[in-house]
Amino acid sequence: MSDPIRPLHYTSGRIECIESIEASMTPQGFKGFLKGNCIKYLHRYENKNGKEDLLKCQWYLEQLLTYLDREDIFRRSIEEAASIILNAPVDPDAYMVQRHGPPERLS
């Protein structure tokens, strides 16, 4: 029996349907798409497919939460890289001291 939330015709190719949709949209557009599907399935569940529509809403909400987590991780990595670059000393010796501490003295 096919999964009603992620049917085989959405996942049978090399690229999943949701990935193709994401690739065709801006980040803001894709988040709107996911949010819109949450609203659609939540709105209609009592009059159409009941629990199945709630499960579809949950699936789209999980996709949106995952996307927001990925955006946050990417933003933090960019901020960390910028901080390293902007705070790195111009002097190579000072950079080595900052990264590794002062050199050991030979007696």
C-alpha atoms as a PDB file:
ATOM      1  CA  MET A   1       0.000   0.000   0.000  1.00  0.00           C
ATOM      2  CA  SER A   2       1.326   3.436  -0.941  1.00  0.00           C
ATOM      3  CA  ASP A   3       2.076   6.029   1.726  1.00  0.00           C
ATOM      4  CA  PRO A   4      -0.703   8.668   1.466  1.00  0.00           C
ATOM      5  CA  ILE A   5       1.602  11.344   2.875  1.00  0.00           C
ATOM      6  CA  ARG A   6       4.554  10.703   0.529  1.00  0.00           C
ATOM      7  CA  PRO A   7       3.199   8.581  -2.339  1.00  0.00           C
ATOM      8  CA  LEU A   8       5.570   6.714  -4.629  1.00  0.00           C
ATOM      9  CA  HIS A   9       4.945   9.063  -7.562  1.00  0.00           C
ATOM     10  CA  TYR A  10       6.541  11.872  -5.480  1.00  0.00           C
ATOM     11  CA  THR A  11       9.647   9.869  -4.571  1.00  0.00           C
ATOM     12  CA  SER A  12      10.259   7.555  -7.527  1.00  0.00           C
ATOM     13  CA  GLY A  13      12.726   9.699  -9.508  1.00  0.00           C
ATOM     14  CA  ARG A  14      16.303  10.682  -8.820  1.00  0.00           C
ATOM     15  CA  ILE A  15      15.100  13.899  -7.229  1.00  0.00           C
ATOM     16  CA  GLU A  16      12.134  14.028  -4.892  1.00  0.00           C
ATOM     17  CA  CYS A  17       9.258  16.319  -5.869  1.00  0.00           C
ATOM     18  CA  ILE A  18       9.695  18.574  -2.809  1.00  0.00           C
ATOM     19  CA  GLU A  19      13.391  19.058  -3.670  1.00  0.00           C
ATOM     20  CA  SER A  20      12.480  20.095  -7.197  1.00  0.00           C
ATOM     21  CA  ILE A  21       9.937  22.582  -5.860  1.00  0.00           C
ATOM     22  CA  GLU A  22      12.523  24.024  -3.441  1.00  0.00           C
ATOM     23  CA  ALA A  23      15.093  24.380  -6.226  1.00  0.00           C
ATOM     24  CA  SER A  24      12.606  26.338  -8.331  1.00  0.00           C
ATOM     25  CA  MET A  25      11.814  28.920  -5.645  1.00  0.00           C
ATOM     26  CA  THR A  26      13.480  31.607  -3.584  1.00  0.00           C
ATOM     27  CA  PRO A  27      13.964  30.742   0.113  1.00  0.00           C
ATOM     28  CA  GLN A  28      11.094  33.076   1.052  1.00  0.00           C
ATOM     29  CA  GLY A  29       8.880  31.548  -1.634  1.00  0.00           C
ATOM     30  CA  PHE A  30       9.635  27.996  -0.506  1.00  0.00           C
ATOM     31  CA  LYS A  31       8.853  28.826   3.128  1.00  0.00           C
ATOM     32  CA  GLY A  32       5.567  30.357   1.939  1.00  0.00           C
ATOM     33  CA  PHE A  33       4.798  27.215  -0.056  1.00  0.00           C
ATOM     34  CA  LEU A  34       5.358  25.008   3.006  1.00  0.00           C
ATOM     35  CA  LYS A  35       3.322  27.319   5.250  1.00  0.00           C
ATOM     36  CA  GLY A  36       0.517  27.491   2.681  1.00  0.00           C
ATOM     37  CA  ASN A  37       0.293  23.713   2.505  1.00  0.00           C
ATOM     38  CA  CYS A  38       0.123  23.536   6.318  1.00  0.00           C
ATOM     39  CA  ILE A  39      -2.769  25.995   6.274  1.00  0.00           C
ATOM     40  CA  LYS A  40      -4.538  24.176   3.409  1.00  0.00           C
ATOM     41  CA  TYR A  41      -4.453  20.765   5.051  1.00  0.00           C
ATOM     42  CA  LEU A  42      -5.340  22.092   8.493  1.00  0.00           C
ATOM     43  CA  HIS A  43      -8.243  24.077   7.043  1.00  0.00           C
ATOM     44  CA  ARG A  44      -9.814  21.196   5.133  1.00  0.00           C
ATOM     45  CA  TYR A  45      -9.243  18.193   7.423  1.00  0.00           C
ATOM     46  CA  GLU A  46     -12.742  18.206   8.960  1.00  0.00           C
ATOM     47  CA  ASN A  47     -14.499  18.257   5.576  1.00  0.00           C
ATOM     48  CA  LYS A  48     -12.258  16.136   3.373  1.00  0.00           C
ATOM     49  CA  ASN A  49      -9.691  13.552   4.523  1.00  0.00           C
ATOM     50  CA  GLY A  50      -9.719  13.864   8.324  1.00  0.00           C
ATOM     51  CA  LYS A  51      -6.610  12.476  10.007  1.00  0.00           C
ATOM     52  CA  GLU A  52      -4.789  12.005   6.679  1.00  0.00           C
ATOM     53  CA  ASP A  53      -4.937  15.767   6.065  1.00  0.00           C
ATOM     54  CA  LEU A  54      -3.638  16.422   9.594  1.00  0.00           C
ATOM     55  CA  LEU A  55      -0.728  14.081   8.892  1.00  0.00           C
ATOM     56  CA  LYS A  56      -0.015  15.947   5.648  1.00  0.00           C
ATOM     57  CA  CYS A  57      -0.113  19.241   7.576  1.00  0.00           C
ATOM     58  CA  GLN A  58       2.330  17.746  10.087  1.00  0.00           C
ATOM     59  CA  TRP A  59       4.645  16.599   7.270  1.00  0.00           C
ATOM     60  CA  TYR A  60       4.753  20.098   5.725  1.00  0.00           C
ATOM     61  CA  LEU A  61       5.273  21.661   9.154  1.00  0.00           C
ATOM     62  CA  GLU A  62       8.215  19.319   9.788  1.00  0.00           C
ATOM     63  CA  GLN A  63       9.650  20.282   6.395  1.00  0.00           C
ATOM     64  CA  LEU A  64       9.319  23.980   7.307  1.00  0.00           C
ATOM     65  CA  LEU A  65      10.958  23.471  10.712  1.00  0.00           C
ATOM     66  CA  THR A  66      13.827  21.527   9.111  1.00  0.00           C
ATOM     67  CA  TYR A  67      14.294  24.268   6.504  1.00  0.00           C
ATOM     68  CA  LEU A  68      14.394  26.944   9.219  1.00  0.00           C
ATOM     69  CA  ASP A  69      16.984  24.907  11.144  1.00  0.00           C
ATOM     70  CA  ARG A  70      19.138  24.617   7.997  1.00  0.00           C
ATOM     71  CA  GLU A  71      18.854  28.379   7.423  1.00  0.00           C
ATOM     72  CA  ASP A  72      19.898  29.046  11.018  1.00  0.00           C
ATOM     73  CA  ILE A  73      22.901  26.711  10.797  1.00  0.00           C
ATOM     74  CA  PHE A  74      23.983  28.359   7.520  1.00  0.00           C
ATOM     75  CA  ARG A  75      23.555  31.874   8.977  1.00  0.00           C
ATOM     76  CA  ARG A  76      25.590  30.968  12.069  1.00  0.00           C
ATOM     77  CA  SER A  77      28.382  29.431   9.977  1.00  0.00           C
ATOM     78  CA  ILE A  78      28.555  32.587   7.834  1.00  0.00           C
ATOM     79  CA  GLU A  79      28.658  34.754  10.975  1.00  0.00           C
ATOM     80  CA  GLU A  80      31.433  32.610  12.482  1.00  0.00           C
ATOM     81  CA  ALA A  81      33.483  32.749   9.282  1.00  0.00           C
ATOM     82  CA  ALA A  82      33.047  36.524   9.071  1.00  0.00           C
ATOM     83  CA  SER A  83      34.060  36.904  12.708  1.00  0.00           C
ATOM     84  CA  ILE A  84      37.232  34.864  12.150  1.00  0.00           C
ATOM     85  CA  ILE A  85      38.132  36.857   9.045  1.00  0.00           C
ATOM     86  CA  LEU A  86      37.352  40.260  10.543  1.00  0.00           C
ATOM     87  CA  ASN A  87      39.139  39.562  13.833  1.00  0.00           C
ATOM     88  CA  ALA A  88      42.236  37.910  12.395  1.00  0.00           C
ATOM     89  CA  PRO A  89      45.373  39.991  12.887  1.00  0.00           C
ATOM     90  CA  VAL A  90      47.116  41.180   9.758  1.00  0.00           C
ATOM     91  CA  ASP A  91      50.539  40.229  11.162  1.00  0.00           C
ATOM     92  CA  PRO A  92      51.135  36.466  10.543  1.00  0.00           C
ATOM     93  CA  ASP A  93      53.126  36.121  13.787  1.00  0.00           C
ATOM     94  CA  ALA A  94      50.326  37.728  15.794  1.00  0.00           C
ATOM     95  CA  TYR A  95      47.856  35.398  14.074  1.00  0.00           C
ATOM     96  CA  MET A  96      49.880  32.324  15.087  1.00  0.00           C
ATOM     97  CA  VAL A  97      50.071  33.572  18.691  1.00  0.00           C
ATOM     98  CA  GLN A  98      46.312  34.229  18.695  1.00  0.00           C
ATOM     99  CA  ARG A  99      45.525  30.755  17.318  1.00  0.00           C
ATOM    100  CA  HIS A 100      48.174  28.662  19.086  1.00  0.00           C
ATOM    101  CA  GLY A 101      49.522  30.729  21.957  1.00  0.00           C
ATOM    102  CA  PRO A 102      53.037  32.108  22.355  1.00  0.00           C
ATOM    103  CA  PRO A 103      55.907  29.969  21.081  1.00  0.00           C
ATOM    104  CA  GLU A 104      57.780  27.866  23.582  1.00  0.00           C
ATOM    105  CA  ARG A 105      61.120  29.360  24.605  1.00  0.00           C
ATOM    106  CA  LEU A 106      64.196  27.241  24.067  1.00  0.00           C
ATOM    107  CA  SER A 107      66.702  27.438  26.888  1.00  0.00           C
END
